[in-house]
Amino acid sequence: MDRSTLLTRLRSVRINRHLALAAAVAISFATAAVVYGILHDDVVTAISALPFVPAAFLLIAIGLSFDRPDERQSGPGGTV
């Protein structure tokens, strides 16, 4: 992928602000819980907070989506 294609693709990123805010809050709470558990030798807190970290990253990925104009336009069959 050359540089101009990459820049064009990055410019087409559409951010869903509601999901991005929820993802930022989720990732900060999950990371804080893991760090707190590690720093205070609380294994239960650290291990129980670990599943929330990938879930928050998944929420970030859903919040960042690429605009694909061909998916929004109606095809030859009309609108759905």
C-alpha atoms as a PDB file:
ATOM      1  CA  MET A   1       0.000   0.000   0.000  1.00  0.00           C
ATOM      2  CA  ASP A   2       1.583   3.261  -1.057  1.00  0.00           C
ATOM      3  CA  ARG A   3       1.503   6.473   0.940  1.00  0.00           C
ATOM      4  CA  SER A   4      -1.273   8.255  -0.981  1.00  0.00           C
ATOM      5  CA  THR A   5      -3.583   5.255  -0.688  1.00  0.00           C
ATOM      6  CA  LEU A   6      -2.900   5.017   3.028  1.00  0.00           C
ATOM      7  CA  LEU A   7      -3.580   8.736   3.545  1.00  0.00           C
ATOM      8  CA  THR A   8      -6.812   8.495   1.554  1.00  0.00           C
ATOM      9  CA  ARG A   9      -7.926   5.526   3.626  1.00  0.00           C
ATOM     10  CA  LEU A  10      -7.086   7.268   6.902  1.00  0.00           C
ATOM     11  CA  ARG A  11      -9.035  10.356   5.828  1.00  0.00           C
ATOM     12  CA  SER A  12     -12.093   8.185   5.223  1.00  0.00           C
ATOM     13  CA  VAL A  13     -12.238   7.068   8.861  1.00  0.00           C
ATOM     14  CA  ARG A  14     -15.524   8.087  10.407  1.00  0.00           C
ATOM     15  CA  ILE A  15     -15.586   8.266  14.190  1.00  0.00           C
ATOM     16  CA  ASN A  16     -18.735   7.421  16.081  1.00  0.00           C
ATOM     17  CA  ARG A  17     -18.244   9.809  18.976  1.00  0.00           C
ATOM     18  CA  HIS A  18     -20.624   8.021  21.360  1.00  0.00           C
ATOM     19  CA  LEU A  19     -18.805   4.710  20.980  1.00  0.00           C
ATOM     20  CA  ALA A  20     -15.414   6.405  21.123  1.00  0.00           C
ATOM     21  CA  LEU A  21     -16.294   8.048  24.446  1.00  0.00           C
ATOM     22  CA  ALA A  22     -17.620   4.778  25.859  1.00  0.00           C
ATOM     23  CA  ALA A  23     -14.504   2.984  24.646  1.00  0.00           C
ATOM     24  CA  ALA A  24     -12.203   5.571  26.224  1.00  0.00           C
ATOM     25  CA  VAL A  25     -13.988   5.247  29.559  1.00  0.00           C
ATOM     26  CA  ALA A  26     -13.979   1.436  29.366  1.00  0.00           C
ATOM     27  CA  ILE A  27     -10.293   1.179  28.470  1.00  0.00           C
ATOM     28  CA  SER A  28      -9.301   3.628  31.197  1.00  0.00           C
ATOM     29  CA  PHE A  29     -11.291   1.765  33.879  1.00  0.00           C
ATOM     30  CA  ALA A  30     -10.021  -1.629  32.752  1.00  0.00           C
ATOM     31  CA  THR A  31      -6.408  -0.488  32.606  1.00  0.00           C
ATOM     32  CA  ALA A  32      -6.678   1.270  35.966  1.00  0.00           C
ATOM     33  CA  ALA A  33      -8.126  -1.872  37.561  1.00  0.00           C
ATOM     34  CA  VAL A  34      -5.348  -4.070  36.166  1.00  0.00           C
ATOM     35  CA  VAL A  35      -2.637  -1.628  37.264  1.00  0.00           C
ATOM     36  CA  TYR A  36      -4.215  -1.233  40.714  1.00  0.00           C
ATOM     37  CA  GLY A  37      -4.357  -4.992  41.145  1.00  0.00           C
ATOM     38  CA  ILE A  38      -0.720  -5.410  40.116  1.00  0.00           C
ATOM     39  CA  LEU A  39       0.578  -2.545  42.266  1.00  0.00           C
ATOM     40  CA  HIS A  40      -1.314  -3.637  45.391  1.00  0.00           C
ATOM     41  CA  ASP A  41      -0.624  -7.364  44.960  1.00  0.00           C
ATOM     42  CA  ASP A  42      -4.330  -8.003  44.519  1.00  0.00           C
ATOM     43  CA  VAL A  43      -4.372 -10.894  42.086  1.00  0.00           C
ATOM     44  CA  VAL A  44      -8.156 -11.222  42.024  1.00  0.00           C
ATOM     45  CA  THR A  45      -8.661  -7.620  40.920  1.00  0.00           C
ATOM     46  CA  ALA A  46      -5.954  -7.793  38.276  1.00  0.00           C
ATOM     47  CA  ILE A  47      -7.170 -11.069  36.792  1.00  0.00           C
ATOM     48  CA  SER A  48     -10.850 -10.163  36.893  1.00  0.00           C
ATOM     49  CA  ALA A  49     -10.185  -6.857  35.096  1.00  0.00           C
ATOM     50  CA  LEU A  50      -8.183  -8.479  32.283  1.00  0.00           C
ATOM     51  CA  PRO A  51     -11.203  -9.553  30.150  1.00  0.00           C
ATOM     52  CA  PHE A  52     -12.394  -5.947  29.985  1.00  0.00           C
ATOM     53  CA  VAL A  53      -9.231  -4.755  28.217  1.00  0.00           C
ATOM     54  CA  PRO A  54      -9.812  -6.651  24.916  1.00  0.00           C
ATOM     55  CA  ALA A  55     -13.514  -5.831  25.111  1.00  0.00           C
ATOM     56  CA  ALA A  56     -12.680  -2.137  25.312  1.00  0.00           C
ATOM     57  CA  PHE A  57     -10.321  -2.434  22.338  1.00  0.00           C
ATOM     58  CA  LEU A  58     -13.112  -4.134  20.404  1.00  0.00           C
ATOM     59  CA  LEU A  59     -15.403  -1.236  21.279  1.00  0.00           C
ATOM     60  CA  ILE A  60     -12.756   1.157  19.936  1.00  0.00           C
ATOM     61  CA  ALA A  61     -12.566  -0.825  16.702  1.00  0.00           C
ATOM     62  CA  ILE A  62     -16.334  -0.676  16.308  1.00  0.00           C
ATOM     63  CA  GLY A  63     -16.333   3.046  17.006  1.00  0.00           C
ATOM     64  CA  LEU A  64     -13.773   3.662  14.271  1.00  0.00           C
ATOM     65  CA  SER A  65     -15.267   2.606  10.980  1.00  0.00           C
ATOM     66  CA  PHE A  66     -14.329   3.275   7.386  1.00  0.00           C
ATOM     67  CA  ASP A  67     -16.693   5.123   5.077  1.00  0.00           C
ATOM     68  CA  ARG A  68     -17.612   2.908   2.149  1.00  0.00           C
ATOM     69  CA  PRO A  69     -19.910   4.942  -0.064  1.00  0.00           C
ATOM     70  CA  ASP A  70     -20.729   2.014  -2.342  1.00  0.00           C
ATOM     71  CA  GLU A  71     -22.373   0.194   0.584  1.00  0.00           C
ATOM     72  CA  ARG A  72     -24.728   3.089   1.273  1.00  0.00           C
ATOM     73  CA  GLN A  73     -25.949   3.608  -2.265  1.00  0.00           C
ATOM     74  CA  SER A  74     -28.885   1.633  -3.536  1.00  0.00           C
ATOM     75  CA  GLY A  75     -28.143  -0.975  -6.146  1.00  0.00           C
ATOM     76  CA  PRO A  76     -29.953  -1.734  -9.400  1.00  0.00           C
ATOM     77  CA  GLY A  77     -32.800  -3.334  -7.428  1.00  0.00           C
ATOM     78  CA  GLY A  78     -33.757  -0.091  -5.698  1.00  0.00           C
ATOM     79  CA  THR A  79     -33.722   0.636  -1.996  1.00  0.00           C
ATOM     80  CA  VAL A  80     -34.007  -2.029   0.649  1.00  0.00           C
END
